Amino acid sequence: MNPADVERLIEADIPDAEATVSRARGSHDDDHLEAEVVAPAFADLSLLDQHERVYDALNEHMTTDIHALELTTRAP
């Protein structure tokens, strides 16, 4: 899956989110990605809940188009 498409999905689902997505370091596969997501919505959420919010935004793509996602999340 194209990293720009993943960024758009995340930013469309999480208010005021800024997502930066790229191919995972050392990976030549399109389905191994790394993402950093910064969103005010994460302020009161645990790290686990932040990650679940991103996975929810990606929905079925996590099981069909994305094999691995190295995820970093935080509030601004």
Protein backbone atom coordinates (compact mmCIF):
# COMPACT_ATOMS: atom_id res chain seq x y z
CA MET A 1 0.00 0.00 0.00
CA ASN A 2 1.24 3.47 -0.83
CA PRO A 3 2.46 5.37 2.28
CA ALA A 4 0.63 8.53 1.16
CA ASP A 5 -2.65 6.58 1.05
CA VAL A 6 -2.05 5.33 4.59
CA GLU A 7 -1.38 8.89 5.75
CA ARG A 8 -4.66 10.05 4.19
CA LEU A 9 -6.66 7.25 5.84
CA ILE A 10 -5.24 8.05 9.27
CA GLU A 11 -5.62 11.81 8.94
CA ALA A 12 -9.20 11.46 7.64
CA ASP A 13 -10.25 9.36 10.62
CA ILE A 14 -8.40 11.01 13.52
CA PRO A 15 -9.19 14.73 13.99
CA ASP A 16 -6.20 17.06 13.50
CA ALA A 17 -3.79 14.13 13.17
CA GLU A 18 -0.47 14.52 11.41
CA ALA A 19 0.72 11.20 10.02
CA THR A 20 4.10 10.46 8.49
CA VAL A 21 4.29 7.05 6.84
CA SER A 22 7.19 5.45 4.99
CA ARG A 23 8.44 2.05 4.00
CA ALA A 24 10.03 0.27 6.95
CA ARG A 25 13.80 0.60 7.13
CA GLY A 26 15.47 -2.25 5.29
CA SER A 27 12.20 -3.42 3.77
CA HIS A 28 11.69 -3.69 0.05
CA ASP A 29 8.07 -4.77 0.44
CA ASP A 30 5.16 -2.40 -0.01
CA ASP A 31 3.32 -3.99 2.90
CA HIS A 32 5.96 -3.28 5.60
CA LEU A 33 5.49 0.29 6.81
CA GLU A 34 6.44 2.58 9.66
CA ALA A 35 4.29 5.46 10.83
CA GLU A 36 4.47 8.34 13.26
CA VAL A 37 1.12 9.83 14.20
CA VAL A 38 0.75 12.97 16.30
CA ALA A 39 -2.78 13.93 17.32
CA PRO A 40 -4.44 16.00 20.04
CA ALA A 41 -6.98 13.17 20.34
CA PHE A 42 -4.24 11.04 21.90
CA ALA A 43 -3.78 13.36 24.91
CA ASP A 44 -5.87 11.32 27.35
CA LEU A 45 -5.34 7.88 25.81
CA SER A 46 -2.95 5.14 26.84
CA LEU A 47 -0.35 4.07 24.30
CA LEU A 48 -2.37 0.93 23.61
CA ASP A 49 -5.52 2.97 22.97
CA GLN A 50 -3.60 5.34 20.68
CA HIS A 51 -2.39 2.40 18.60
CA GLU A 52 -5.87 0.88 18.49
CA ARG A 53 -7.22 4.20 17.22
CA VAL A 54 -4.74 4.11 14.32
CA TYR A 55 -5.54 0.46 13.57
CA ASP A 56 -9.25 1.34 13.55
CA ALA A 57 -8.55 4.11 11.04
CA LEU A 58 -6.82 1.63 8.76
CA ASN A 59 -9.62 -0.91 9.21
CA GLU A 60 -9.48 -3.82 6.75
CA HIS A 61 -6.21 -2.57 5.24
CA MET A 62 -4.42 -4.01 8.28
CA THR A 63 -5.43 -7.50 7.21
CA THR A 64 -5.32 -7.11 3.43
CA ASP A 65 -2.74 -4.51 2.35
CA ILE A 66 -0.44 -3.97 5.32
CA HIS A 67 1.56 -6.89 6.66
CA ALA A 68 3.55 -5.01 9.30
CA LEU A 69 3.26 -1.53 10.78
CA GLU A 70 5.91 -0.09 13.09
CA LEU A 71 3.89 2.56 14.92
CA THR A 72 4.85 5.57 17.02
CA THR A 73 2.07 7.72 18.44
CA ARG A 74 1.91 10.75 20.71
CA ALA A 75 -0.03 13.86 21.54
CA PRO A 76 1.48 17.21 20.45
